[in-house]
Amino acid sequence: MDFAPTREQDDIQRAIEALCSRFDADYWRNKDEKGGFPQDFHAALAEAGWLGVAMPAEYGGAGLGISEAAVMMRTIAESGAGMSGASAVHMNIFGLHPVVINGTDEQKRRFLPPLIEGKHKACFAVTEPDAGLNTLKLKTRAVRKGDRYVVNGRKMWISTAQVADRMLLLARTAEPDAAAPTRGLTLFYCAFDRKRIEAREIAKHGRKAVDSNALFIDDLEIPAEDRIGEEGRGFEYILHGMNPERVLIAAEAVGIGRAALKRAALYAKERIVFNRPIGQNQGVQHPLAERWIELEAANLMMQKAGWLYDQGRPCGAEANAAKYLCGEAGYRACETAMLTHGGMGYSKEYHVERYLREVMLTRIAPISPQLILSFIAEKVLGLPKSY
């Protein structure tokens, strides 16, 4: 058992820290206040070649694993970028994994290089307002008409749709079949045609630099050559991206938790009340120490899940556990950082209120804590399915 990061992982962390130093906490506070996609940050990562960290080398990527991608995403969040910075590039890291696994060579040559080079931005259009996490109940329809599919329907909570050039879309091509419930959904990677797709930005709690949207799709035409894999097997294909996504979200939660904890410890050393720094009081020290312990323990589970995935081993339980533990630990760290600052925690000057708002996302998305617990209860403990 070797718990030391590889030399390559250390190099990645140092390189990302250096790049992120050009985008300090004040940069992200400004983005949070004014909104607007962090194009210059995205472009800097693209120029340095980081958007393809986990993409195949033959298409311009680095060909590294999810473990290395997790180091990158954790470091971005920990730099002070939080979930705003991480979400700006999250889709690039894992989103087209179903294309990498199930796409043709022609599709990979056509789709992957522009994403890696930063020429294209993509969004992930699966969730719908009436289905929520029950993906098998999706209603958006794709009807085959000659060499094209015509799509109509709605999608909900679609990040980066305001700036996306392409869309990974899951749509129904056949009625649900009780005998084969996972069949009937088809995956596409298509152009984001704004004449046929209305993206309404959702005013929301949390990150403002990266948009979330409701999509209204009206007679969107998709060439058949933009279909990924076989018709009706799209749900099966997107499963390939779920475990790595959980690992990356977990890494981001640890990163933002560390960023908050670092600021809280600094404030506790500098804030003088009753002629002594508040960090000298065990009532302040102990919660901060507990948060460090929780973050480090959660980080180990995240690393284990990433390692298992990169080794081609089953990792569903570990990836879900990592997402659960890191989401909770990240949230508790940001909450404690806010409490350590007292009233000043409400001030945007100290950044921790932004971290607390943003970290909530890591608990909710892409799967709720309750569904993770149900998964562990059923798949690991062998208990009856509860839903």
Protein backbone atom coordinates (compact mmCIF):
# COMPACT_ATOMS: atom_id res chain seq x y z
CA MET A 1 0.00 0.00 0.00
CA ASP A 2 1.49 3.32 -1.11
CA PHE A 3 -0.34 6.47 -0.10
CA ALA A 4 2.16 8.84 -1.68
CA PRO A 5 1.09 10.72 -4.83
CA THR A 6 3.04 9.85 -7.95
CA ARG A 7 5.63 12.27 -9.30
CA GLU A 8 3.22 13.02 -12.15
CA GLN A 9 0.43 13.87 -9.71
CA ASP A 10 2.76 16.16 -7.76
CA ASP A 11 3.74 17.87 -11.02
CA ILE A 12 0.07 18.34 -11.93
CA GLN A 13 -0.70 19.92 -8.56
CA ARG A 14 2.19 22.36 -8.81
CA ALA A 15 1.37 23.32 -12.38
CA ILE A 16 -2.32 23.92 -11.61
CA GLU A 17 -1.43 25.93 -8.50
CA ALA A 18 0.82 28.13 -10.62
CA LEU A 19 -1.84 28.64 -13.27
CA CYS A 20 -4.56 29.35 -10.71
CA SER A 21 -2.38 31.93 -8.97
CA ARG A 22 -3.23 34.21 -11.91
CA PHE A 23 -6.90 33.98 -10.91
CA ASP A 24 -7.02 34.86 -7.24
CA ALA A 25 -9.94 34.87 -4.81
CA ASP A 26 -10.79 38.46 -5.74
CA TYR A 27 -11.15 37.40 -9.38
CA TRP A 28 -13.71 34.77 -8.37
CA ARG A 29 -15.51 37.14 -5.99
CA ASN A 30 -15.92 39.54 -8.91
CA LYS A 31 -17.28 36.74 -11.08
CA ASP A 32 -19.66 35.80 -8.30
CA GLU A 33 -20.96 39.36 -8.03
CA LYS A 34 -21.24 40.19 -11.73
CA GLY A 35 -21.74 36.78 -13.30
CA GLY A 36 -20.42 35.80 -16.69
CA PHE A 37 -18.56 32.68 -17.72
CA PRO A 38 -14.83 32.78 -16.75
CA GLN A 39 -13.66 32.66 -20.35
CA ASP A 40 -10.10 33.75 -19.59
CA PHE A 41 -9.71 31.01 -16.99
CA HIS A 42 -11.10 28.40 -19.38
CA ALA A 43 -8.80 29.65 -22.14
CA ALA A 44 -5.74 29.52 -19.88
CA LEU A 45 -6.40 25.88 -19.01
CA ALA A 46 -6.98 25.06 -22.68
CA GLU A 47 -3.79 26.80 -23.77
CA ALA A 48 -1.80 24.85 -21.19
CA GLY A 49 -3.35 21.58 -22.40
CA TRP A 50 -5.23 20.74 -19.22
CA LEU A 51 -8.74 20.37 -20.67
CA GLY A 52 -7.77 17.00 -22.10
CA VAL A 53 -6.09 15.65 -18.99
CA ALA A 54 -8.17 12.43 -19.05
CA MET A 55 -8.77 12.27 -22.83
CA PRO A 56 -6.94 9.83 -25.15
CA ALA A 57 -3.53 11.00 -26.36
CA GLU A 58 -4.30 10.11 -29.98
CA TYR A 59 -6.96 12.85 -30.05
CA GLY A 60 -4.84 15.51 -28.37
CA GLY A 61 -5.40 14.66 -24.72
CA ALA A 62 -2.89 13.73 -22.02
CA GLY A 63 -4.17 10.16 -21.70
CA LEU A 64 -4.06 10.23 -17.90
CA GLY A 65 -6.52 8.70 -15.46
CA ILE A 66 -9.34 9.95 -13.28
CA SER A 67 -6.88 10.00 -10.37
CA GLU A 68 -4.84 12.67 -12.14
CA ALA A 69 -7.97 14.56 -13.19
CA ALA A 70 -9.10 14.53 -9.54
CA VAL A 71 -5.80 16.10 -8.46
CA MET A 72 -6.38 18.83 -11.03
CA MET A 73 -9.98 19.53 -9.99
CA ARG A 74 -9.23 19.44 -6.26
CA THR A 75 -6.36 21.90 -6.78
CA ILE A 76 -8.56 24.27 -8.81
CA ALA A 77 -11.20 24.34 -6.08
CA GLU A 78 -8.59 24.66 -3.33
CA SER A 79 -6.94 27.62 -5.07
CA GLY A 80 -9.91 29.79 -4.14
CA ALA A 81 -11.81 29.21 -7.37
CA GLY A 82 -14.24 26.96 -5.52
CA MET A 83 -17.07 25.42 -7.48
CA SER A 84 -17.16 28.36 -9.90
CA GLY A 85 -13.73 27.46 -11.25
CA ALA A 86 -14.24 23.72 -11.06
CA SER A 87 -17.63 23.84 -12.80
CA ALA A 88 -16.23 25.93 -15.65
CA VAL A 89 -14.18 22.93 -16.84
CA HIS A 90 -15.88 19.97 -15.16
CA MET A 91 -17.70 18.88 -18.33
CA ASN A 92 -14.45 18.79 -20.29
CA ILE A 93 -12.89 16.35 -17.88
CA PHE A 94 -15.54 13.64 -17.67
CA GLY A 95 -18.42 14.66 -19.90
CA LEU A 96 -17.42 13.04 -23.16
CA HIS A 97 -16.31 9.80 -21.57
CA PRO A 98 -19.32 8.01 -23.13
CA VAL A 99 -18.04 9.21 -26.53
CA VAL A 100 -14.53 7.98 -25.74
CA ILE A 101 -15.91 4.54 -24.84
CA ASN A 102 -18.77 4.17 -27.32
CA GLY A 103 -18.09 6.60 -30.16
CA THR A 104 -16.62 5.64 -33.51
CA ASP A 105 -13.10 6.67 -34.50
CA GLU A 106 -14.63 9.22 -36.88
CA GLN A 107 -16.73 10.71 -34.08
CA LYS A 108 -13.79 10.90 -31.70
CA ARG A 109 -11.65 12.62 -34.33
CA ARG A 110 -14.47 15.07 -34.96
CA PHE A 111 -15.60 15.73 -31.38
CA LEU A 112 -12.66 15.42 -29.00
CA PRO A 113 -9.93 17.76 -30.36
CA PRO A 114 -12.13 20.91 -30.40
CA LEU A 115 -13.18 20.26 -26.80
CA ILE A 116 -9.61 19.61 -25.66
CA GLU A 117 -8.34 22.73 -27.46
CA GLY A 118 -11.03 24.88 -25.85
CA LYS A 119 -12.64 25.72 -29.21
CA HIS A 120 -15.88 24.05 -28.14
CA LYS A 121 -17.70 24.12 -24.82
CA ALA A 122 -20.18 21.38 -24.11
CA CYS A 123 -23.13 20.93 -21.79
CA PHE A 124 -24.63 17.72 -20.40
CA ALA A 125 -28.38 17.57 -21.08
CA VAL A 126 -29.94 14.67 -19.19
CA THR A 127 -32.03 15.91 -16.24
CA GLU A 128 -35.68 16.85 -16.82
CA PRO A 129 -38.12 18.78 -14.62
CA ASP A 130 -40.52 15.85 -14.10
CA ALA A 131 -37.97 13.04 -13.85
CA GLY A 132 -35.32 14.38 -11.47
CA LEU A 133 -32.90 11.58 -10.63
CA ASN A 134 -35.20 8.95 -12.15
CA THR A 135 -33.46 9.00 -15.53
CA LEU A 136 -35.51 6.10 -16.89
CA LYS A 137 -38.58 8.37 -16.85
CA LEU A 138 -37.18 10.92 -19.33
CA LYS A 139 -39.78 12.25 -21.78
CA THR A 140 -37.76 14.32 -24.27
CA ARG A 141 -38.36 12.54 -27.60
CA ALA A 142 -36.10 11.98 -30.58
CA VAL A 143 -37.97 10.74 -33.67
CA ARG A 144 -36.01 9.29 -36.61
CA LYS A 145 -36.85 10.93 -39.92
CA GLY A 146 -34.60 9.68 -42.69
CA ASP A 147 -31.00 10.52 -41.91
CA ARG A 148 -31.95 12.80 -39.01
CA TYR A 149 -33.62 12.77 -35.62
CA VAL A 150 -36.09 15.48 -34.62
CA VAL A 151 -36.04 16.26 -30.90
CA ASN A 152 -38.67 17.94 -28.73
CA GLY A 153 -38.78 18.29 -24.97
CA ARG A 154 -37.38 20.02 -21.90
CA LYS A 155 -34.23 19.71 -19.85
CA MET A 156 -33.50 21.18 -16.42
CA TRP A 157 -30.41 22.32 -14.48
CA ILE A 158 -28.17 22.29 -17.53
CA SER A 159 -24.85 23.98 -16.68
CA THR A 160 -22.97 26.19 -19.19
CA ALA A 161 -25.85 26.17 -21.70
CA GLN A 162 -25.47 29.93 -22.12
CA VAL A 163 -22.02 29.44 -23.66
CA ALA A 164 -22.16 25.87 -25.01
CA ASP A 165 -21.39 25.02 -28.63
CA ARG A 166 -22.25 21.32 -28.29
CA MET A 167 -24.55 19.21 -26.15
CA LEU A 168 -24.43 15.62 -24.91
CA LEU A 169 -28.13 14.83 -25.02
CA LEU A 170 -30.08 11.83 -23.75
CA ALA A 171 -33.51 11.49 -25.38
CA ARG A 172 -36.18 8.84 -25.69
CA THR A 173 -36.45 6.99 -29.02
CA ALA A 174 -38.81 4.24 -27.86
CA GLU A 175 -41.55 3.80 -25.28
CA PRO A 176 -40.52 2.37 -21.91
CA ASP A 177 -40.50 -1.42 -21.80
CA ALA A 178 -41.06 -3.13 -18.46
CA ALA A 179 -39.08 -6.12 -19.69
CA ALA A 180 -36.06 -3.95 -20.58
CA PRO A 181 -36.45 -0.73 -18.54
CA THR A 182 -33.01 0.67 -19.42
CA ARG A 183 -33.63 0.45 -23.17
CA GLY A 184 -35.31 3.13 -25.29
CA LEU A 185 -33.03 6.08 -24.46
CA THR A 186 -30.51 7.24 -27.06
CA LEU A 187 -27.39 9.36 -26.66
CA PHE A 188 -26.39 12.18 -29.02
CA TYR A 189 -23.51 14.64 -29.14
CA CYS A 190 -24.89 17.45 -31.26
CA ALA A 191 -24.60 21.12 -32.09
CA PHE A 192 -26.31 23.50 -29.65
CA ASP A 193 -28.67 25.11 -32.17
CA ARG A 194 -29.96 28.26 -30.48
CA LYS A 195 -32.65 28.66 -33.11
CA ARG A 196 -34.20 25.42 -31.83
CA ILE A 197 -33.11 25.48 -28.19
CA GLU A 198 -34.11 28.21 -25.76
CA ALA A 199 -31.84 28.30 -22.72
CA ARG A 200 -33.44 30.18 -19.83
CA GLU A 201 -30.93 30.88 -17.09
CA ILE A 202 -32.10 29.95 -13.60
CA ALA A 203 -31.56 32.49 -10.82
CA LYS A 204 -30.04 30.35 -8.11
CA HIS A 205 -28.18 30.01 -4.84
CA GLY A 206 -24.44 29.35 -5.15
CA ARG A 207 -22.07 29.84 -8.05
CA LYS A 208 -22.98 32.69 -10.38
CA ALA A 209 -19.97 32.50 -12.70
CA VAL A 210 -21.28 29.27 -14.26
CA ASP A 211 -24.88 29.34 -15.46
CA SER A 212 -27.62 26.76 -14.87
CA ASN A 213 -30.54 26.59 -17.27
CA ALA A 214 -33.90 25.22 -18.27
CA LEU A 215 -33.82 24.12 -21.92
CA PHE A 216 -36.83 24.23 -24.21
CA ILE A 217 -36.13 22.10 -27.30
CA ASP A 218 -38.38 22.64 -30.31
CA ASP A 219 -37.90 20.52 -33.48
CA LEU A 220 -34.14 20.26 -33.04
CA GLU A 221 -32.68 18.31 -35.96
CA ILE A 222 -29.72 16.04 -35.20
CA PRO A 223 -27.87 14.20 -37.99
CA ALA A 224 -27.80 10.44 -37.47
CA GLU A 225 -23.99 10.55 -37.52
CA ASP A 226 -24.15 12.49 -34.22
CA ARG A 227 -25.79 9.54 -32.46
CA ILE A 228 -23.40 7.82 -30.06
CA GLY A 229 -23.53 4.04 -30.28
CA GLU A 230 -26.70 2.08 -30.91
CA GLU A 231 -30.18 3.51 -30.76
CA GLY A 232 -31.89 2.72 -27.46
CA ARG A 233 -28.73 2.06 -25.43
CA GLY A 234 -27.98 5.61 -24.29
CA PHE A 235 -28.71 4.99 -20.61
CA GLU A 236 -26.18 2.19 -20.62
CA TYR A 237 -23.61 4.51 -22.19
CA ILE A 238 -23.96 7.36 -19.73
CA LEU A 239 -23.32 4.94 -16.88
CA HIS A 240 -19.68 4.89 -18.04
CA GLY A 241 -19.37 8.51 -16.92
CA MET A 242 -21.13 8.28 -13.56
CA ASN A 243 -18.39 6.82 -11.37
CA PRO A 244 -15.64 9.17 -12.63
CA GLU A 245 -18.01 12.11 -12.22
CA ARG A 246 -18.61 11.16 -8.60
CA VAL A 247 -14.85 10.99 -8.03
CA LEU A 248 -14.34 14.45 -9.55
CA ILE A 249 -17.18 16.04 -7.56
CA ALA A 250 -15.69 14.48 -4.43
CA ALA A 251 -12.28 15.96 -5.24
CA GLU A 252 -13.82 19.39 -5.78
CA ALA A 253 -15.64 19.18 -2.43
CA VAL A 254 -12.36 18.44 -0.65
CA GLY A 255 -10.70 21.33 -2.47
CA ILE A 256 -13.29 23.93 -1.52
CA GLY A 257 -13.36 22.58 2.05
CA ARG A 258 -9.59 23.01 2.28
CA ALA A 259 -9.81 26.54 0.89
CA ALA A 260 -12.36 27.47 3.54
CA LEU A 261 -10.40 25.79 6.33
CA LYS A 262 -7.22 27.63 5.32
CA ARG A 263 -8.98 30.98 5.53
CA ALA A 264 -10.58 30.10 8.85
CA ALA A 265 -7.27 29.09 10.42
CA LEU A 266 -5.62 32.31 9.22
CA TYR A 267 -8.47 34.43 10.60
CA ALA A 268 -8.37 32.56 13.93
CA LYS A 269 -4.67 33.39 14.30
CA GLU A 270 -5.12 37.07 13.48
CA ARG A 271 -8.44 37.93 15.16
CA ILE A 272 -7.81 39.28 18.69
CA VAL A 273 -10.68 39.24 21.21
CA PHE A 274 -10.22 39.62 24.99
CA ASN A 275 -6.51 40.23 24.40
CA ARG A 276 -5.82 36.87 22.74
CA PRO A 277 -6.24 35.35 19.27
CA ILE A 278 -9.52 33.44 19.04
CA GLY A 279 -7.55 30.49 17.65
CA GLN A 280 -6.01 30.01 21.10
CA ASN A 281 -9.42 28.94 22.39
CA GLN A 282 -10.21 25.24 22.18
CA GLY A 283 -13.80 26.11 21.29
CA VAL A 284 -12.41 27.48 18.01
CA GLN A 285 -9.46 25.10 17.61
CA HIS A 286 -11.28 21.82 18.01
CA PRO A 287 -13.96 22.27 15.33
CA LEU A 288 -11.28 23.33 12.84
CA ALA A 289 -9.15 20.32 13.74
CA GLU A 290 -12.16 18.02 13.35
CA ARG A 291 -12.86 19.46 9.90
CA TRP A 292 -9.25 18.77 8.83
CA ILE A 293 -9.57 15.16 9.99
CA GLU A 294 -12.85 14.71 8.12
CA LEU A 295 -11.49 16.22 4.91
CA GLU A 296 -8.38 14.04 4.95
CA ALA A 297 -10.37 10.86 5.60
CA ALA A 298 -12.83 11.70 2.83
CA ASN A 299 -9.95 12.49 0.49
CA LEU A 300 -8.54 8.98 1.03
CA MET A 301 -11.83 7.42 -0.04
CA MET A 302 -11.85 9.65 -3.12
CA GLN A 303 -8.33 8.55 -3.99
CA LYS A 304 -9.23 4.89 -3.53
CA ALA A 305 -12.26 5.22 -5.81
CA GLY A 306 -10.20 6.94 -8.49
CA TRP A 307 -7.47 4.30 -8.25
CA LEU A 308 -9.99 1.47 -8.58
CA TYR A 309 -11.54 3.11 -11.63
CA ASP A 310 -8.18 3.62 -13.31
CA GLN A 311 -7.31 -0.02 -12.62
CA GLY A 312 -10.49 -1.14 -14.37
CA ARG A 313 -11.91 -2.59 -11.16
CA PRO A 314 -15.48 -2.26 -9.84
CA CYS A 315 -15.77 1.01 -7.93
CA GLY A 316 -19.47 1.87 -7.69
CA ALA A 317 -19.64 1.61 -3.90
CA GLU A 318 -16.37 3.49 -3.39
CA ALA A 319 -17.22 6.25 -5.89
CA ASN A 320 -20.59 6.81 -4.25
CA ALA A 321 -19.09 6.68 -0.76
CA ALA A 322 -16.42 9.18 -1.81
CA LYS A 323 -18.99 11.58 -3.19
CA TYR A 324 -21.04 11.28 0.01
CA LEU A 325 -18.13 11.66 2.44
CA CYS A 326 -16.40 14.48 0.56
CA GLY A 327 -19.64 16.40 0.04
CA GLU A 328 -20.44 16.25 3.75
CA ALA A 329 -16.87 16.98 4.86
CA GLY A 330 -16.57 19.89 2.44
CA TYR A 331 -19.84 21.37 3.62
CA ARG A 332 -18.93 21.04 7.30
CA ALA A 333 -15.56 22.69 6.66
CA CYS A 334 -17.18 25.65 4.92
CA GLU A 335 -19.82 25.95 7.65
CA THR A 336 -17.17 25.92 10.38
CA ALA A 337 -15.11 28.48 8.47
CA MET A 338 -18.15 30.74 8.35
CA LEU A 339 -18.76 30.30 12.08
CA THR A 340 -15.09 30.94 12.89
CA HIS A 341 -15.34 34.32 11.18
CA GLY A 342 -18.43 35.18 13.21
CA GLY A 343 -20.22 38.24 11.86
CA MET A 344 -17.41 38.90 9.40
CA GLY A 345 -18.23 35.60 7.77
CA TYR A 346 -21.16 37.37 6.14
CA SER A 347 -18.80 39.83 4.50
CA LYS A 348 -17.83 39.04 0.92
CA GLU A 349 -14.39 40.41 1.74
CA TYR A 350 -13.50 37.16 3.53
CA HIS A 351 -14.82 34.81 0.81
CA VAL A 352 -16.11 32.10 3.15
CA GLU A 353 -19.75 33.00 2.58
CA ARG A 354 -19.22 32.22 -1.12
CA TYR A 355 -17.60 28.90 -0.33
CA LEU A 356 -20.53 27.96 1.90
CA ARG A 357 -23.02 28.81 -0.86
CA GLU A 358 -21.07 26.96 -3.50
CA VAL A 359 -20.23 23.80 -1.57
CA MET A 360 -23.90 22.88 -1.20
CA LEU A 361 -23.80 21.79 -4.83
CA THR A 362 -21.42 18.96 -3.98
CA ARG A 363 -23.98 17.48 -1.59
CA ILE A 364 -26.87 17.66 -4.05
CA ALA A 365 -25.36 16.91 -7.46
CA PRO A 366 -25.11 14.72 -9.41
CA ILE A 367 -26.88 12.43 -6.96
CA SER A 368 -28.45 13.08 -3.59
CA PRO A 369 -27.03 11.74 -0.31
CA GLN A 370 -30.23 9.74 0.19
CA LEU A 371 -29.86 7.86 -3.09
CA ILE A 372 -26.24 7.11 -2.28
CA LEU A 373 -27.29 5.61 1.05
CA SER A 374 -29.97 3.57 -0.70
CA PHE A 375 -27.37 2.33 -3.22
CA ILE A 376 -24.95 1.26 -0.47
CA ALA A 377 -27.75 -0.38 1.52
CA GLU A 378 -28.91 -2.41 -1.49
CA LYS A 379 -25.69 -3.15 -3.41
CA VAL A 380 -23.25 -3.54 -0.52
CA LEU A 381 -25.35 -4.63 2.45
CA GLY A 382 -27.83 -6.69 0.46
CA LEU A 383 -30.92 -4.99 1.84
CA PRO A 384 -34.21 -4.85 -0.14
CA LYS A 385 -34.56 -2.06 -2.68
CA SER A 386 -36.40 0.85 -1.07
CA TYR A 387 -37.62 2.73 -4.13
